[in-house]
N, C-alpha and C. Protein backbone atom coordinates (compact mmCIF):
# COMPACT_ATOMS: atom_id res chain seq x y z
N UNK A 1 60.25 -39.05 109.62
CA UNK A 1 59.22 -38.37 110.39
C UNK A 1 59.65 -36.93 110.64
N UNK A 2 58.72 -36.01 110.52
CA UNK A 2 59.04 -34.60 110.72
C UNK A 2 59.19 -34.30 112.21
N UNK A 3 59.80 -33.17 112.50
CA UNK A 3 59.93 -32.74 113.88
C UNK A 3 58.55 -32.39 114.41
N UNK A 4 58.31 -32.74 115.67
CA UNK A 4 57.01 -32.47 116.28
C UNK A 4 57.16 -31.50 117.43
N UNK A 5 56.15 -30.70 117.65
CA UNK A 5 56.17 -29.78 118.79
C UNK A 5 55.81 -30.56 120.05
N UNK A 6 56.10 -29.97 121.18
CA UNK A 6 55.75 -30.60 122.45
C UNK A 6 54.23 -30.80 122.54
N UNK A 7 53.49 -29.84 122.00
CA UNK A 7 52.03 -29.92 122.02
C UNK A 7 51.54 -31.13 121.24
N UNK A 8 52.12 -31.37 120.08
CA UNK A 8 51.74 -32.54 119.27
C UNK A 8 52.05 -33.84 120.02
N UNK A 9 53.20 -33.89 120.66
CA UNK A 9 53.60 -35.09 121.38
C UNK A 9 52.67 -35.34 122.56
N UNK A 10 52.36 -34.29 123.33
CA UNK A 10 51.44 -34.43 124.46
C UNK A 10 50.08 -34.89 123.97
N UNK A 11 49.62 -34.34 122.86
CA UNK A 11 48.34 -34.74 122.28
C UNK A 11 48.33 -36.23 121.94
N UNK A 12 49.41 -36.69 121.33
CA UNK A 12 49.50 -38.11 120.97
C UNK A 12 49.51 -39.00 122.21
N UNK A 13 50.20 -38.57 123.26
CA UNK A 13 50.24 -39.34 124.51
C UNK A 13 48.85 -39.42 125.11
N UNK A 14 48.15 -38.30 125.18
CA UNK A 14 46.81 -38.28 125.77
C UNK A 14 45.83 -39.12 124.96
N UNK A 15 45.93 -39.06 123.64
CA UNK A 15 45.07 -39.89 122.80
C UNK A 15 45.36 -41.37 123.03
N UNK A 16 46.63 -41.72 123.12
CA UNK A 16 47.01 -43.12 123.32
C UNK A 16 46.57 -43.63 124.69
N UNK A 17 46.60 -42.75 125.69
CA UNK A 17 46.28 -43.15 127.06
C UNK A 17 44.78 -43.11 127.35
N UNK A 18 44.00 -42.52 126.46
CA UNK A 18 42.56 -42.40 126.67
C UNK A 18 41.93 -43.78 126.85
N UNK A 19 41.25 -43.97 127.97
CA UNK A 19 40.61 -45.25 128.24
C UNK A 19 41.53 -46.26 128.90
N UNK A 20 42.77 -45.87 129.16
CA UNK A 20 43.72 -46.76 129.83
C UNK A 20 44.65 -47.45 128.86
N UNK A 21 45.92 -47.43 129.18
CA UNK A 21 46.93 -48.08 128.33
C UNK A 21 48.20 -48.27 129.14
N UNK A 22 48.99 -49.23 128.75
CA UNK A 22 50.28 -49.44 129.40
C UNK A 22 51.29 -48.42 128.88
N UNK A 23 52.39 -48.28 129.61
CA UNK A 23 53.44 -47.37 129.17
C UNK A 23 53.97 -47.79 127.81
N UNK A 24 54.11 -49.08 127.61
CA UNK A 24 54.63 -49.58 126.34
C UNK A 24 53.69 -49.22 125.20
N UNK A 25 52.40 -49.39 125.41
CA UNK A 25 51.42 -49.07 124.37
C UNK A 25 51.47 -47.59 124.02
N UNK A 26 51.55 -46.74 125.05
CA UNK A 26 51.63 -45.29 124.81
C UNK A 26 52.91 -44.96 124.05
N UNK A 27 54.00 -45.58 124.46
CA UNK A 27 55.30 -45.34 123.83
C UNK A 27 55.25 -45.65 122.34
N UNK A 28 54.68 -46.78 121.97
CA UNK A 28 54.61 -47.17 120.56
C UNK A 28 53.65 -46.28 119.77
N UNK A 29 52.50 -45.95 120.35
CA UNK A 29 51.53 -45.12 119.63
C UNK A 29 52.01 -43.69 119.44
N UNK A 30 52.80 -43.17 120.39
CA UNK A 30 53.28 -41.79 120.30
C UNK A 30 54.67 -41.72 119.66
N UNK A 31 55.23 -42.86 119.30
CA UNK A 31 56.57 -42.92 118.68
C UNK A 31 57.63 -42.25 119.54
N UNK A 32 57.72 -42.67 120.81
CA UNK A 32 58.68 -42.10 121.75
C UNK A 32 59.60 -43.18 122.30
N UNK A 33 60.78 -42.77 122.72
CA UNK A 33 61.66 -43.69 123.44
C UNK A 33 61.17 -43.75 124.88
N UNK A 34 61.66 -44.72 125.64
CA UNK A 34 61.23 -44.85 127.03
C UNK A 34 61.66 -43.63 127.84
N UNK A 35 62.87 -43.13 127.59
CA UNK A 35 63.36 -41.95 128.31
C UNK A 35 62.47 -40.73 128.04
N UNK A 36 62.09 -40.54 126.78
CA UNK A 36 61.21 -39.41 126.43
C UNK A 36 59.85 -39.58 127.09
N UNK A 37 59.33 -40.80 127.05
CA UNK A 37 58.01 -41.06 127.64
C UNK A 37 58.02 -40.75 129.13
N UNK A 38 59.07 -41.15 129.85
CA UNK A 38 59.15 -40.88 131.29
C UNK A 38 59.10 -39.39 131.57
N UNK A 39 59.81 -38.59 130.78
CA UNK A 39 59.81 -37.14 130.98
C UNK A 39 58.41 -36.56 130.78
N UNK A 40 57.78 -36.94 129.68
CA UNK A 40 56.44 -36.41 129.38
C UNK A 40 55.42 -36.89 130.41
N UNK A 41 55.47 -38.14 130.82
CA UNK A 41 54.52 -38.65 131.80
C UNK A 41 54.67 -37.92 133.13
N UNK A 42 55.90 -37.64 133.53
CA UNK A 42 56.12 -36.92 134.79
C UNK A 42 55.45 -35.55 134.75
N UNK A 43 55.59 -34.85 133.65
CA UNK A 43 54.98 -33.52 133.51
C UNK A 43 53.46 -33.63 133.48
N UNK A 44 52.94 -34.59 132.74
CA UNK A 44 51.48 -34.75 132.63
C UNK A 44 50.86 -35.14 133.97
N UNK A 45 51.52 -36.02 134.70
CA UNK A 45 51.00 -36.44 136.01
C UNK A 45 51.07 -35.28 136.99
N UNK A 46 52.17 -34.53 136.95
CA UNK A 46 52.35 -33.37 137.83
C UNK A 46 51.24 -32.34 137.62
N UNK A 47 50.78 -32.21 136.38
CA UNK A 47 49.73 -31.25 136.05
C UNK A 47 48.33 -31.87 136.03
N UNK A 48 48.22 -33.07 136.59
CA UNK A 48 46.94 -33.78 136.71
C UNK A 48 46.24 -33.99 135.37
N UNK A 49 47.01 -34.21 134.32
CA UNK A 49 46.42 -34.51 133.01
C UNK A 49 46.32 -36.01 132.79
N UNK A 50 47.05 -36.77 133.58
CA UNK A 50 46.96 -38.24 133.54
C UNK A 50 46.72 -38.76 134.93
């Protein structure tokens, strides 16, 4: 898999979470580790995107 920008990763998280999803589902759809997912979710929640 190629390197992805933060923007691409955030986009994948938002697409996966659209309509509701568990953390595990988002993690698998965005191809992230749990540690990475926690960091991104914290930022997205802080900015009211999730």
